[in-house]
Amino acid sequence: MIEIVRGLYRSAKIIMILVLIGMIAWGGYLGIRHIFIDNEEYRLQEIKLETNGHINHARIVEVTGIDLDASIFAIDTDHIRKCLLSLPEVTRCDVERRLPGTLKITVDERLPVAWLQSAHYGFLGKVEGGVLAGEDGVTFPCEGSLWETSRDLPVVMVNVAAMGTFHHGKKLQHPEVIRALHLIKVLTASNLRADWRPQEIMILNEYSLEVTSHDGSRAVFGMYDHERQITDFISVREHALKTLRAVEHINLIPKKNIPVKFAGAPILVTPQKKQTFPSLKDRDIKSIIDRN
């Protein structure tokens, strides 16, 4: 009997200790919640966004579901990071709290360089909700504020259905599209006159691309040797500008005897004297033009 009483006493003692521990833990939780979670001082006051691209605060709230009235300690920063990294245009994301009420979000984005248009894949070209591509060939949908910042980008026309399985956020398995994106990159770096910049690039076949400029002129490029071809493109266009002629079509694939077609019917003029050229470069351009 005495052993039973002693056992009950020990059990009661253990239960009292556990209850006491539970009360301390609960009190600690309430204290922490009062100090941090329910404290107005730590309410979310600002989302500080740093990005190299186009994502904005509204898009971040839409994608992550951030409670704008919550304490910054109640916000799951890991969840926000995972949500943003799920976007195909986002390559890196860091989320951190800054006391008392700031949430800092740093995002690295793929910058779009072109629209894709393809009947085979249902890519509609330059429209809201269309498909954009970065220079690395990774695609992503035009969502959020991307339309306003991407509406003037050129369109790559994909008529050859050799892209394989397509997934946003992964590199296209289409070498001709990749070469077209490289051409856009080199053209952009060349600081062309506004009217000469590409409006549309059509993949003609496995070895050539046709670029339509904003002024309506067309130029055929190869898949490679883009730097040399762009140098020839600029030389011919500048010479045509000086001589008040409009270029309708150029084939830049040949290294010599570049075919150039000018707009309008030719006008025959009897020269009064032999035309002179001040430089070898101009004389070479004339020999190219006179062959046509």
C-alpha atoms as a PDB file:
ATOM      1  CA  MET A   1       0.000   0.000   0.000  1.00  0.00           C
ATOM      2  CA  ILE A   2       2.784   2.341   0.909  1.00  0.00           C
ATOM      3  CA  GLU A   3       4.490   1.608  -2.466  1.00  0.00           C
ATOM      4  CA  ILE A   4       1.291   2.463  -4.325  1.00  0.00           C
ATOM      5  CA  VAL A   5       0.988   5.790  -2.524  1.00  0.00           C
ATOM      6  CA  ARG A   6       4.601   6.588  -3.242  1.00  0.00           C
ATOM      7  CA  GLY A   7       4.031   5.728  -6.955  1.00  0.00           C
ATOM      8  CA  LEU A   8       1.010   8.002  -7.161  1.00  0.00           C
ATOM      9  CA  TYR A   9       2.970  10.771  -5.458  1.00  0.00           C
ATOM     10  CA  ARG A  10       5.810  10.468  -7.964  1.00  0.00           C
ATOM     11  CA  SER A  11       3.359  10.409 -10.857  1.00  0.00           C
ATOM     12  CA  ALA A  12       1.559  13.477  -9.527  1.00  0.00           C
ATOM     13  CA  LYS A  13       4.896  15.243  -9.086  1.00  0.00           C
ATOM     14  CA  ILE A  14       5.902  14.480 -12.666  1.00  0.00           C
ATOM     15  CA  ILE A  15       2.520  15.662 -13.966  1.00  0.00           C
ATOM     16  CA  MET A  16       2.834  18.907 -12.009  1.00  0.00           C
ATOM     17  CA  ILE A  17       6.318  19.475 -13.421  1.00  0.00           C
ATOM     18  CA  LEU A  18       5.078  18.850 -16.976  1.00  0.00           C
ATOM     19  CA  VAL A  19       2.142  21.195 -16.431  1.00  0.00           C
ATOM     20  CA  LEU A  20       4.506  23.835 -15.089  1.00  0.00           C
ATOM     21  CA  ILE A  21       6.817  23.446 -18.095  1.00  0.00           C
ATOM     22  CA  GLY A  22       3.823  23.687 -20.420  1.00  0.00           C
ATOM     23  CA  MET A  23       2.615  26.851 -18.701  1.00  0.00           C
ATOM     24  CA  ILE A  24       6.080  28.379 -18.946  1.00  0.00           C
ATOM     25  CA  ALA A  25       6.292  27.481 -22.654  1.00  0.00           C
ATOM     26  CA  TRP A  26       2.820  28.858 -23.353  1.00  0.00           C
ATOM     27  CA  GLY A  27       3.612  32.007 -21.433  1.00  0.00           C
ATOM     28  CA  GLY A  28       6.831  32.365 -23.355  1.00  0.00           C
ATOM     29  CA  TYR A  29       4.977  31.936 -26.639  1.00  0.00           C
ATOM     30  CA  LEU A  30       2.420  34.570 -25.686  1.00  0.00           C
ATOM     31  CA  GLY A  31       5.200  36.888 -24.602  1.00  0.00           C
ATOM     32  CA  ILE A  32       7.106  36.459 -27.833  1.00  0.00           C
ATOM     33  CA  ARG A  33       3.932  36.896 -29.861  1.00  0.00           C
ATOM     34  CA  HIS A  34       3.097  40.067 -27.941  1.00  0.00           C
ATOM     35  CA  ILE A  35       6.598  41.478 -28.398  1.00  0.00           C
ATOM     36  CA  PHE A  36       7.129  40.520 -32.040  1.00  0.00           C
ATOM     37  CA  ILE A  37       4.066  39.176 -33.882  1.00  0.00           C
ATOM     38  CA  ASP A  38       1.381  41.467 -32.466  1.00  0.00           C
ATOM     39  CA  ASN A  39       3.654  44.460 -32.008  1.00  0.00           C
ATOM     40  CA  GLU A  40       2.648  47.245 -34.413  1.00  0.00           C
ATOM     41  CA  GLU A  41       6.260  48.351 -34.582  1.00  0.00           C
ATOM     42  CA  TYR A  42       7.117  45.193 -36.526  1.00  0.00           C
ATOM     43  CA  ARG A  43       4.231  45.361 -38.965  1.00  0.00           C
ATOM     44  CA  LEU A  44       5.289  45.171 -42.614  1.00  0.00           C
ATOM     45  CA  GLN A  45       5.818  48.776 -43.631  1.00  0.00           C
ATOM     46  CA  GLU A  46       7.913  48.480 -46.799  1.00  0.00           C
ATOM     47  CA  ILE A  47       8.899  45.942 -49.453  1.00  0.00           C
ATOM     48  CA  LYS A  48      12.279  47.082 -50.699  1.00  0.00           C
ATOM     49  CA  LEU A  49      12.698  45.601 -54.176  1.00  0.00           C
ATOM     50  CA  GLU A  50      15.996  45.463 -56.059  1.00  0.00           C
ATOM     51  CA  THR A  51      15.966  43.961 -59.541  1.00  0.00           C
ATOM     52  CA  ASN A  52      17.854  44.189 -62.821  1.00  0.00           C
ATOM     53  CA  GLY A  53      14.655  43.581 -64.762  1.00  0.00           C
ATOM     54  CA  HIS A  54      10.973  44.416 -64.871  1.00  0.00           C
ATOM     55  CA  ILE A  55       9.237  42.654 -61.974  1.00  0.00           C
ATOM     56  CA  ASN A  56       7.401  45.081 -59.700  1.00  0.00           C
ATOM     57  CA  HIS A  57       5.799  45.097 -56.238  1.00  0.00           C
ATOM     58  CA  ALA A  58       2.328  44.213 -57.527  1.00  0.00           C
ATOM     59  CA  ARG A  59       3.664  41.163 -59.355  1.00  0.00           C
ATOM     60  CA  ILE A  60       5.571  39.993 -56.261  1.00  0.00           C
ATOM     61  CA  VAL A  61       2.494  40.274 -54.030  1.00  0.00           C
ATOM     62  CA  GLU A  62       0.412  38.444 -56.657  1.00  0.00           C
ATOM     63  CA  VAL A  63       2.877  35.559 -57.013  1.00  0.00           C
ATOM     64  CA  THR A  64       3.836  35.120 -53.357  1.00  0.00           C
ATOM     65  CA  GLY A  65       0.595  36.034 -51.558  1.00  0.00           C
ATOM     66  CA  ILE A  66       2.370  38.266 -49.033  1.00  0.00           C
ATOM     67  CA  ASP A  67       0.023  39.521 -46.285  1.00  0.00           C
ATOM     68  CA  LEU A  68       0.671  43.255 -46.341  1.00  0.00           C
ATOM     69  CA  ASP A  69      -0.831  43.648 -42.849  1.00  0.00           C
ATOM     70  CA  ALA A  70       1.271  40.928 -41.210  1.00  0.00           C
ATOM     71  CA  SER A  71       4.285  41.240 -38.956  1.00  0.00           C
ATOM     72  CA  ILE A  72       7.549  40.681 -40.770  1.00  0.00           C
ATOM     73  CA  PHE A  73       8.188  37.814 -38.327  1.00  0.00           C
ATOM     74  CA  ALA A  74       5.013  36.088 -39.530  1.00  0.00           C
ATOM     75  CA  ILE A  75       6.134  36.220 -43.170  1.00  0.00           C
ATOM     76  CA  ASP A  76       7.746  33.042 -44.491  1.00  0.00           C
ATOM     77  CA  THR A  77      10.789  34.313 -46.386  1.00  0.00           C
ATOM     78  CA  ASP A  78      11.649  30.843 -47.688  1.00  0.00           C
ATOM     79  CA  HIS A  79       8.175  30.514 -49.210  1.00  0.00           C
ATOM     80  CA  ILE A  80       8.555  33.879 -50.944  1.00  0.00           C
ATOM     81  CA  ARG A  81      11.915  32.877 -52.353  1.00  0.00           C
ATOM     82  CA  LYS A  82      10.574  29.564 -53.702  1.00  0.00           C
ATOM     83  CA  CYS A  83       7.558  31.269 -55.290  1.00  0.00           C
ATOM     84  CA  LEU A  84       9.724  33.819 -57.123  1.00  0.00           C
ATOM     85  CA  LEU A  85      12.243  31.208 -58.252  1.00  0.00           C
ATOM     86  CA  SER A  86       9.352  29.277 -59.803  1.00  0.00           C
ATOM     87  CA  LEU A  87       8.973  32.085 -62.353  1.00  0.00           C
ATOM     88  CA  PRO A  88      10.927  31.146 -65.504  1.00  0.00           C
ATOM     89  CA  GLU A  89      12.253  34.692 -65.912  1.00  0.00           C
ATOM     90  CA  VAL A  90      13.835  34.723 -62.418  1.00  0.00           C
ATOM     91  CA  THR A  91      17.343  33.280 -62.054  1.00  0.00           C
ATOM     92  CA  ARG A  92      18.178  34.265 -58.454  1.00  0.00           C
ATOM     93  CA  CYS A  93      16.257  35.570 -55.454  1.00  0.00           C
ATOM     94  CA  ASP A  94      17.186  36.599 -51.905  1.00  0.00           C
ATOM     95  CA  VAL A  95      14.648  37.579 -49.227  1.00  0.00           C
ATOM     96  CA  GLU A  96      15.575  39.045 -45.834  1.00  0.00           C
ATOM     97  CA  ARG A  97      13.958  40.951 -42.981  1.00  0.00           C
ATOM     98  CA  ARG A  98      15.179  44.403 -42.015  1.00  0.00           C
ATOM     99  CA  LEU A  99      13.947  45.635 -38.634  1.00  0.00           C
ATOM    100  CA  PRO A 100      11.656  47.128 -37.725  1.00  0.00           C
ATOM    101  CA  GLY A 101       9.318  46.656 -40.717  1.00  0.00           C
ATOM    102  CA  THR A 102      11.125  46.194 -44.011  1.00  0.00           C
ATOM    103  CA  LEU A 103      11.202  43.138 -46.247  1.00  0.00           C
ATOM    104  CA  LYS A 104      14.115  43.298 -48.702  1.00  0.00           C
ATOM    105  CA  ILE A 105      13.768  41.261 -51.909  1.00  0.00           C
ATOM    106  CA  THR A 106      16.621  41.045 -54.415  1.00  0.00           C
ATOM    107  CA  VAL A 107      15.836  39.501 -57.796  1.00  0.00           C
ATOM    108  CA  ASP A 108      17.971  38.718 -60.840  1.00  0.00           C
ATOM    109  CA  GLU A 109      15.915  38.330 -64.011  1.00  0.00           C
ATOM    110  CA  ARG A 110      16.450  37.145 -67.544  1.00  0.00           C
ATOM    111  CA  LEU A 111      16.021  40.172 -69.774  1.00  0.00           C
ATOM    112  CA  PRO A 112      13.921  39.546 -72.888  1.00  0.00           C
ATOM    113  CA  VAL A 113      15.493  40.307 -76.265  1.00  0.00           C
ATOM    114  CA  ALA A 114      12.797  39.058 -78.652  1.00  0.00           C
ATOM    115  CA  TRP A 115       9.290  37.731 -79.131  1.00  0.00           C
ATOM    116  CA  LEU A 116       8.710  34.300 -80.660  1.00  0.00           C
ATOM    117  CA  GLN A 117       6.059  33.627 -83.274  1.00  0.00           C
ATOM    118  CA  SER A 118       5.302  30.097 -84.460  1.00  0.00           C
ATOM    119  CA  ALA A 119       2.106  28.563 -85.819  1.00  0.00           C
ATOM    120  CA  HIS A 120       3.449  25.111 -84.953  1.00  0.00           C
ATOM    121  CA  TYR A 121       3.760  25.933 -81.234  1.00  0.00           C
ATOM    122  CA  GLY A 122       0.953  28.456 -81.017  1.00  0.00           C
ATOM    123  CA  PHE A 123       3.277  31.365 -80.251  1.00  0.00           C
ATOM    124  CA  LEU A 124       1.319  34.475 -81.223  1.00  0.00           C
ATOM    125  CA  GLY A 125       4.204  36.918 -81.508  1.00  0.00           C
ATOM    126  CA  LYS A 126       3.984  40.431 -80.112  1.00  0.00           C
ATOM    127  CA  VAL A 127       0.876  40.263 -77.906  1.00  0.00           C
ATOM    128  CA  GLU A 128       0.156  40.336 -74.186  1.00  0.00           C
ATOM    129  CA  GLY A 129       0.561  36.793 -72.938  1.00  0.00           C
ATOM    130  CA  GLY A 130       2.930  35.982 -75.806  1.00  0.00           C
ATOM    131  CA  VAL A 131       6.267  34.211 -75.500  1.00  0.00           C
ATOM    132  CA  LEU A 132       9.498  36.114 -74.844  1.00  0.00           C
ATOM    133  CA  ALA A 133      13.062  34.815 -75.050  1.00  0.00           C
ATOM    134  CA  GLY A 134      16.267  35.909 -73.355  1.00  0.00           C
ATOM    135  CA  GLU A 135      19.562  35.977 -75.202  1.00  0.00           C
ATOM    136  CA  ASP A 136      20.397  32.551 -73.708  1.00  0.00           C
ATOM    137  CA  GLY A 137      17.388  30.991 -75.466  1.00  0.00           C
ATOM    138  CA  VAL A 138      15.324  30.490 -72.306  1.00  0.00           C
ATOM    139  CA  THR A 139      11.663  31.438 -72.801  1.00  0.00           C
ATOM    140  CA  PHE A 140       9.035  32.845 -70.466  1.00  0.00           C
ATOM    141  CA  PRO A 141       5.504  34.238 -70.864  1.00  0.00           C
ATOM    142  CA  CYS A 142       4.788  37.942 -71.111  1.00  0.00           C
ATOM    143  CA  GLU A 143       3.083  38.595 -67.788  1.00  0.00           C
ATOM    144  CA  GLY A 144       2.827  41.477 -65.366  1.00  0.00           C
ATOM    145  CA  SER A 145       4.575  44.636 -66.532  1.00  0.00           C
ATOM    146  CA  LEU A 146       6.630  42.843 -69.202  1.00  0.00           C
ATOM    147  CA  TRP A 147       4.304  43.990 -71.996  1.00  0.00           C
ATOM    148  CA  GLU A 148       5.046  47.679 -71.420  1.00  0.00           C
ATOM    149  CA  THR A 149       8.793  47.134 -71.369  1.00  0.00           C
ATOM    150  CA  SER A 150       8.983  44.567 -74.203  1.00  0.00           C
ATOM    151  CA  ARG A 151       6.495  45.791 -76.793  1.00  0.00           C
ATOM    152  CA  ASP A 152       9.237  47.266 -79.034  1.00  0.00           C
ATOM    153  CA  LEU A 153      11.398  44.127 -79.161  1.00  0.00           C
ATOM    154  CA  PRO A 154      11.827  42.328 -82.505  1.00  0.00           C
ATOM    155  CA  VAL A 155       9.876  39.199 -83.417  1.00  0.00           C
ATOM    156  CA  VAL A 156      11.620  35.955 -84.398  1.00  0.00           C
ATOM    157  CA  MET A 157       9.447  34.073 -86.903  1.00  0.00           C
ATOM    158  CA  VAL A 158       9.894  30.331 -86.403  1.00  0.00           C
ATOM    159  CA  ASN A 159       8.533  28.566 -89.486  1.00  0.00           C
ATOM    160  CA  VAL A 160      10.731  25.490 -89.194  1.00  0.00           C
ATOM    161  CA  ALA A 161       9.187  23.095 -86.664  1.00  0.00           C
ATOM    162  CA  ALA A 162      12.310  21.553 -85.171  1.00  0.00           C
ATOM    163  CA  MET A 163      12.112  22.792 -81.609  1.00  0.00           C
ATOM    164  CA  GLY A 164      11.384  19.506 -79.859  1.00  0.00           C
ATOM    165  CA  THR A 165       9.642  19.559 -76.500  1.00  0.00           C
ATOM    166  CA  PHE A 166       9.005  23.088 -75.270  1.00  0.00           C
ATOM    167  CA  HIS A 167       9.098  24.190 -71.626  1.00  0.00           C
ATOM    168  CA  HIS A 168       9.200  27.716 -70.193  1.00  0.00           C
ATOM    169  CA  GLY A 169      12.306  28.287 -68.106  1.00  0.00           C
ATOM    170  CA  LYS A 170      14.464  25.965 -70.222  1.00  0.00           C
ATOM    171  CA  LYS A 171      16.638  26.616 -73.237  1.00  0.00           C
ATOM    172  CA  LEU A 172      15.017  26.111 -76.624  1.00  0.00           C
ATOM    173  CA  GLN A 173      16.161  23.041 -78.525  1.00  0.00           C
ATOM    174  CA  HIS A 174      16.235  24.939 -81.812  1.00  0.00           C
ATOM    175  CA  PRO A 175      19.698  25.971 -83.085  1.00  0.00           C
ATOM    176  CA  GLU A 176      18.326  28.403 -85.689  1.00  0.00           C
ATOM    177  CA  VAL A 177      16.396  30.346 -83.027  1.00  0.00           C
ATOM    178  CA  ILE A 178      19.527  30.469 -80.867  1.00  0.00           C
ATOM    179  CA  ARG A 179      21.487  31.925 -83.815  1.00  0.00           C
ATOM    180  CA  ALA A 180      18.714  34.479 -84.443  1.00  0.00           C
ATOM    181  CA  LEU A 181      18.941  35.577 -80.805  1.00  0.00           C
ATOM    182  CA  HIS A 182      22.714  35.894 -81.173  1.00  0.00           C
ATOM    183  CA  LEU A 183      22.219  38.087 -84.233  1.00  0.00           C
ATOM    184  CA  ILE A 184      19.863  40.328 -82.241  1.00  0.00           C
ATOM    185  CA  LYS A 185      22.498  40.618 -79.521  1.00  0.00           C
ATOM    186  CA  VAL A 186      25.189  41.678 -81.992  1.00  0.00           C
ATOM    187  CA  LEU A 187      22.842  44.088 -83.809  1.00  0.00           C
ATOM    188  CA  THR A 188      21.889  45.700 -80.497  1.00  0.00           C
ATOM    189  CA  ALA A 189      25.542  46.150 -79.559  1.00  0.00           C
ATOM    190  CA  SER A 190      26.225  47.835 -82.931  1.00  0.00           C
ATOM    191  CA  ASN A 191      24.227  50.977 -82.044  1.00  0.00           C
ATOM    192  CA  LEU A 192      22.416  51.052 -85.382  1.00  0.00           C
ATOM    193  CA  ARG A 193      20.355  53.991 -86.545  1.00  0.00           C
ATOM    194  CA  ALA A 194      16.794  53.621 -85.246  1.00  0.00           C
ATOM    195  CA  ASP A 195      15.309  52.896 -88.706  1.00  0.00           C
ATOM    196  CA  TRP A 196      17.867  50.145 -89.344  1.00  0.00           C
ATOM    197  CA  ARG A 197      17.175  48.194 -86.165  1.00  0.00           C
ATOM    198  CA  PRO A 198      15.467  44.806 -86.536  1.00  0.00           C
ATOM    199  CA  GLN A 199      11.693  44.645 -86.400  1.00  0.00           C
ATOM    200  CA  GLU A 200      11.367  41.041 -87.493  1.00  0.00           C
ATOM    201  CA  ILE A 201      13.740  38.132 -88.072  1.00  0.00           C
ATOM    202  CA  MET A 202      12.500  35.244 -90.162  1.00  0.00           C
ATOM    203  CA  ILE A 203      14.258  31.881 -90.154  1.00  0.00           C
ATOM    204  CA  LEU A 204      14.384  31.101 -93.879  1.00  0.00           C
ATOM    205  CA  ASN A 205      16.136  27.749 -93.624  1.00  0.00           C
ATOM    206  CA  GLU A 206      18.985  26.006 -91.793  1.00  0.00           C
ATOM    207  CA  TYR A 207      21.625  28.459 -93.013  1.00  0.00           C
ATOM    208  CA  SER A 208      20.017  31.906 -93.394  1.00  0.00           C
ATOM    209  CA  LEU A 209      17.975  34.545 -91.563  1.00  0.00           C
ATOM    210  CA  GLU A 210      16.096  37.472 -93.086  1.00  0.00           C
ATOM    211  CA  VAL A 211      15.990  40.667 -91.038  1.00  0.00           C
ATOM    212  CA  THR A 212      13.331  43.292 -91.720  1.00  0.00           C
ATOM    213  CA  SER A 213      14.313  46.699 -90.384  1.00  0.00           C
ATOM    214  CA  HIS A 214      11.936  49.363 -89.098  1.00  0.00           C
ATOM    215  CA  ASP A 215      12.234  51.206 -92.426  1.00  0.00           C
ATOM    216  CA  GLY A 216      11.030  48.129 -94.323  1.00  0.00           C
ATOM    217  CA  SER A 217      14.359  47.141 -95.869  1.00  0.00           C
ATOM    218  CA  ARG A 218      15.356  43.465 -95.754  1.00  0.00           C
ATOM    219  CA  ALA A 219      18.761  41.882 -95.225  1.00  0.00           C
ATOM    220  CA  VAL A 220      19.753  38.216 -95.404  1.00  0.00           C
ATOM    221  CA  PHE A 221      22.292  37.057 -92.817  1.00  0.00           C
ATOM    222  CA  GLY A 222      23.970  33.702 -92.390  1.00  0.00           C
ATOM    223  CA  MET A 223      23.830  31.741 -89.166  1.00  0.00           C
ATOM    224  CA  TYR A 224      27.430  32.648 -88.320  1.00  0.00           C
ATOM    225  CA  ASP A 225      29.990  35.394 -89.041  1.00  0.00           C
ATOM    226  CA  HIS A 226      27.514  37.993 -87.795  1.00  0.00           C
ATOM    227  CA  GLU A 227      30.095  40.615 -86.836  1.00  0.00           C
ATOM    228  CA  ARG A 228      31.497  40.770 -90.383  1.00  0.00           C
ATOM    229  CA  GLN A 229      28.036  40.809 -91.947  1.00  0.00           C
ATOM    230  CA  ILE A 230      26.877  43.665 -89.707  1.00  0.00           C
ATOM    231  CA  THR A 231      29.972  45.676 -90.633  1.00  0.00           C
ATOM    232  CA  ASP A 232      29.076  45.198 -94.321  1.00  0.00           C
ATOM    233  CA  PHE A 233      25.440  46.045 -93.569  1.00  0.00           C
ATOM    234  CA  ILE A 234      26.383  49.353 -91.954  1.00  0.00           C
ATOM    235  CA  SER A 235      28.847  50.231 -94.748  1.00  0.00           C
ATOM    236  CA  VAL A 236      26.283  49.683 -97.510  1.00  0.00           C
ATOM    237  CA  ARG A 237      23.487  51.474 -95.625  1.00  0.00           C
ATOM    238  CA  GLU A 238      25.682  54.470 -94.829  1.00  0.00           C
ATOM    239  CA  HIS A 239      26.827  54.746 -98.453  1.00  0.00           C
ATOM    240  CA  ALA A 240      23.230  54.507 -99.690  1.00  0.00           C
ATOM    241  CA  LEU A 241      22.252  57.240 -97.242  1.00  0.00           C
ATOM    242  CA  LYS A 242      24.999  59.523 -98.541  1.00  0.00           C
ATOM    243  CA  THR A 243      23.936  58.942-102.148  1.00  0.00           C
ATOM    244  CA  LEU A 244      20.242  59.470-101.320  1.00  0.00           C
ATOM    245  CA  ARG A 245      19.199  55.953-102.212  1.00  0.00           C
ATOM    246  CA  ALA A 246      16.989  53.561-100.257  1.00  0.00           C
ATOM    247  CA  VAL A 247      18.091  49.964 -99.834  1.00  0.00           C
ATOM    248  CA  GLU A 248      15.325  47.438-100.467  1.00  0.00           C
ATOM    249  CA  HIS A 249      17.259  44.188-100.044  1.00  0.00           C
ATOM    250  CA  ILE A 250      20.805  43.042 -99.220  1.00  0.00           C
ATOM    251  CA  ASN A 251      22.308  39.572 -99.150  1.00  0.00           C
ATOM    252  CA  LEU A 252      25.147  39.734 -96.640  1.00  0.00           C
ATOM    253  CA  ILE A 253      26.211  36.103 -96.762  1.00  0.00           C
ATOM    254  CA  PRO A 254      28.828  36.592 -99.538  1.00  0.00           C
ATOM    255  CA  LYS A 255      32.075  38.146 -98.359  1.00  0.00           C
ATOM    256  CA  LYS A 256      32.544  39.852-101.735  1.00  0.00           C
ATOM    257  CA  ASN A 257      30.224  41.072-104.490  1.00  0.00           C
ATOM    258  CA  ILE A 258      27.400  41.651-102.038  1.00  0.00           C
ATOM    259  CA  PRO A 259      24.051  41.821-103.893  1.00  0.00           C
ATOM    260  CA  VAL A 260      22.173  45.057-103.156  1.00  0.00           C
ATOM    261  CA  LYS A 261      18.757  46.011-104.520  1.00  0.00           C
ATOM    262  CA  PHE A 262      17.634  49.621-104.249  1.00  0.00           C
ATOM    263  CA  ALA A 263      14.031  50.744-103.930  1.00  0.00           C
ATOM    264  CA  GLY A 264      12.278  52.254-106.943  1.00  0.00           C
ATOM    265  CA  ALA A 265      12.986  52.020-110.652  1.00  0.00           C
ATOM    266  CA  PRO A 266      16.532  52.830-111.746  1.00  0.00           C
ATOM    267  CA  ILE A 267      17.143  56.298-113.191  1.00  0.00           C
ATOM    268  CA  LEU A 268      19.678  56.469-116.008  1.00  0.00           C
ATOM    269  CA  VAL A 269      21.797  59.593-115.995  1.00  0.00           C
ATOM    270  CA  THR A 270      24.494  60.422-118.573  1.00  0.00           C
ATOM    271  CA  PRO A 271      27.529  61.385-116.538  1.00  0.00           C
ATOM    272  CA  GLN A 272      29.264  64.647-117.422  1.00  0.00           C
ATOM    273  CA  LYS A 273      32.521  63.401-116.065  1.00  0.00           C
ATOM    274  CA  LYS A 274      33.897  60.354-114.409  1.00  0.00           C
ATOM    275  CA  GLN A 275      32.880  60.154-110.787  1.00  0.00           C
ATOM    276  CA  THR A 276      35.704  60.193-108.276  1.00  0.00           C
ATOM    277  CA  PHE A 277      35.713  58.629-104.835  1.00  0.00           C
ATOM    278  CA  PRO A 278      37.698  60.071-101.966  1.00  0.00           C
ATOM    279  CA  SER A 279      38.615  56.765-100.372  1.00  0.00           C
ATOM    280  CA  LEU A 280      39.291  53.136-101.162  1.00  0.00           C
ATOM    281  CA  LYS A 281      36.343  52.145 -98.998  1.00  0.00           C
ATOM    282  CA  ASP A 282      33.889  54.195-101.101  1.00  0.00           C
ATOM    283  CA  ARG A 283      35.430  52.807-104.313  1.00  0.00           C
ATOM    284  CA  ASP A 284      34.973  49.254-103.039  1.00  0.00           C
ATOM    285  CA  ILE A 285      31.344  49.957-102.160  1.00  0.00           C
ATOM    286  CA  LYS A 286      30.764  51.369-105.663  1.00  0.00           C
ATOM    287  CA  SER A 287      32.188  48.234-107.233  1.00  0.00           C
ATOM    288  CA  ILE A 288      29.802  46.160-105.107  1.00  0.00           C
ATOM    289  CA  ILE A 289      26.795  48.249-106.126  1.00  0.00           C
ATOM    290  CA  ASP A 290      27.691  48.435-109.851  1.00  0.00           C
ATOM    291  CA  ARG A 291      27.725  44.638-110.095  1.00  0.00           C
ATOM    292  CA  ASN A 292      23.951  44.604-109.605  1.00  0.00           C
END
